[in-house]
Amino acid sequence: MLGVPREFVKLSDVQETNVMSDFFVLRKYRGEGVGKQAAFDIFDKFPAACEIRQTQRNHPANQFWNKVIK
């Protein structure tokens, strides 16, 4: 993967994965738990290993996903 730092690459051997690359919460709802609840609802509805894609420069998204995944 050209240009992707090694620490951002993780290979998995699971048979089934879900990829989440588009996830958006309107600014006026951010910080109220709406996005976290929506993410958990999606994870519950589609149980499998999940790959979350985000751009490195999108710091709010990075912070959000780090909190949700923990």
C-alpha atoms as a PDB file:
ATOM      1  CA  MET A   1       0.000   0.000   0.000  1.00  0.00           C
ATOM      2  CA  LEU A   2       1.911   2.939  -1.315  1.00  0.00           C
ATOM      3  CA  GLY A   3       1.939   5.981   0.933  1.00  0.00           C
ATOM      4  CA  VAL A   4       0.133   4.368   3.867  1.00  0.00           C
ATOM      5  CA  PRO A   5       2.179   4.270   7.081  1.00  0.00           C
ATOM      6  CA  ARG A   6       2.747   0.724   8.339  1.00  0.00           C
ATOM      7  CA  GLU A   7       1.038   1.444  11.679  1.00  0.00           C
ATOM      8  CA  PHE A   8      -2.217   2.104   9.802  1.00  0.00           C
ATOM      9  CA  VAL A   9      -2.215  -1.226   7.981  1.00  0.00           C
ATOM     10  CA  LYS A  10      -3.691  -4.288   9.641  1.00  0.00           C
ATOM     11  CA  LEU A  11      -4.278  -7.552   7.847  1.00  0.00           C
ATOM     12  CA  SER A  12      -7.003  -9.853   9.023  1.00  0.00           C
ATOM     13  CA  ASP A  13      -7.731 -13.489   8.302  1.00  0.00           C
ATOM     14  CA  VAL A  14     -11.433 -13.346   9.217  1.00  0.00           C
ATOM     15  CA  GLN A  15     -13.780 -14.782   6.608  1.00  0.00           C
ATOM     16  CA  GLU A  16     -16.348 -11.994   6.646  1.00  0.00           C
ATOM     17  CA  THR A  17     -15.828  -8.274   7.119  1.00  0.00           C
ATOM     18  CA  ASN A  18     -17.911  -5.144   6.946  1.00  0.00           C
ATOM     19  CA  VAL A  19     -16.346  -1.929   5.682  1.00  0.00           C
ATOM     20  CA  MET A  20     -17.524   1.418   6.977  1.00  0.00           C
ATOM     21  CA  SER A  21     -16.133   4.277   4.950  1.00  0.00           C
ATOM     22  CA  ASP A  22     -18.973   6.811   4.966  1.00  0.00           C
ATOM     23  CA  PHE A  23     -20.330   7.863   8.344  1.00  0.00           C
ATOM     24  CA  PHE A  24     -21.503  11.380   9.033  1.00  0.00           C
ATOM     25  CA  VAL A  25     -23.146  13.125  11.978  1.00  0.00           C
ATOM     26  CA  LEU A  26     -24.548  16.607  11.526  1.00  0.00           C
ATOM     27  CA  ARG A  27     -22.511  19.142  13.467  1.00  0.00           C
ATOM     28  CA  LYS A  28     -25.468  20.167  15.658  1.00  0.00           C
ATOM     29  CA  TYR A  29     -25.768  16.560  16.934  1.00  0.00           C
ATOM     30  CA  ARG A  30     -22.073  15.955  17.577  1.00  0.00           C
ATOM     31  CA  GLY A  31     -21.075  15.370  21.184  1.00  0.00           C
ATOM     32  CA  GLU A  32     -24.559  14.150  22.157  1.00  0.00           C
ATOM     33  CA  GLY A  33     -23.905  10.428  21.712  1.00  0.00           C
ATOM     34  CA  VAL A  34     -25.966  10.190  18.520  1.00  0.00           C
ATOM     35  CA  GLY A  35     -23.039   8.998  16.402  1.00  0.00           C
ATOM     36  CA  LYS A  36     -21.861   6.496  18.994  1.00  0.00           C
ATOM     37  CA  GLN A  37     -25.351   5.026  19.303  1.00  0.00           C
ATOM     38  CA  ALA A  38     -25.713   4.833  15.513  1.00  0.00           C
ATOM     39  CA  ALA A  39     -22.346   3.094  15.224  1.00  0.00           C
ATOM     40  CA  PHE A  40     -23.295   0.518  17.873  1.00  0.00           C
ATOM     41  CA  ASP A  41     -26.658  -0.047  16.160  1.00  0.00           C
ATOM     42  CA  ILE A  42     -24.829  -0.729  12.885  1.00  0.00           C
ATOM     43  CA  PHE A  43     -22.348  -3.072  14.598  1.00  0.00           C
ATOM     44  CA  ASP A  44     -25.250  -4.955  16.205  1.00  0.00           C
ATOM     45  CA  LYS A  45     -27.199  -5.204  12.961  1.00  0.00           C
ATOM     46  CA  PHE A  46     -24.228  -6.416  10.905  1.00  0.00           C
ATOM     47  CA  PRO A  47     -22.145  -8.643  13.198  1.00  0.00           C
ATOM     48  CA  ALA A  48     -18.732  -9.399  11.724  1.00  0.00           C
ATOM     49  CA  ALA A  49     -15.273  -7.929  11.836  1.00  0.00           C
ATOM     50  CA  CYS A  50     -15.553  -4.279  10.867  1.00  0.00           C
ATOM     51  CA  GLU A  51     -13.046  -2.171   9.014  1.00  0.00           C
ATOM     52  CA  ILE A  52     -13.381   1.550   9.597  1.00  0.00           C
ATOM     53  CA  ARG A  53     -11.800   3.746   6.967  1.00  0.00           C
ATOM     54  CA  GLN A  54     -11.000   7.382   7.552  1.00  0.00           C
ATOM     55  CA  THR A  55      -8.549   9.927   6.282  1.00  0.00           C
ATOM     56  CA  GLN A  56      -5.592  10.734   8.480  1.00  0.00           C
ATOM     57  CA  ARG A  57      -6.287  14.479   8.292  1.00  0.00           C
ATOM     58  CA  ASN A  58      -9.863  14.149   9.550  1.00  0.00           C
ATOM     59  CA  HIS A  59      -8.998  14.644  13.212  1.00  0.00           C
ATOM     60  CA  PRO A  60     -12.602  14.799  14.480  1.00  0.00           C
ATOM     61  CA  ALA A  61     -13.304  11.432  12.811  1.00  0.00           C
ATOM     62  CA  ASN A  62     -10.096   9.948  14.244  1.00  0.00           C
ATOM     63  CA  GLN A  63     -11.047  11.080  17.749  1.00  0.00           C
ATOM     64  CA  PHE A  64     -14.628   9.840  17.361  1.00  0.00           C
ATOM     65  CA  TRP A  65     -13.657   6.351  16.177  1.00  0.00           C
ATOM     66  CA  ASN A  66     -10.929   5.986  18.796  1.00  0.00           C
ATOM     67  CA  LYS A  67     -13.540   6.685  21.510  1.00  0.00           C
ATOM     68  CA  VAL A  68     -16.180   4.410  19.970  1.00  0.00           C
ATOM     69  CA  ILE A  69     -13.807   1.497  19.424  1.00  0.00           C
ATOM     70  CA  LYS A  70     -12.475   1.642  22.982  1.00  0.00           C
END
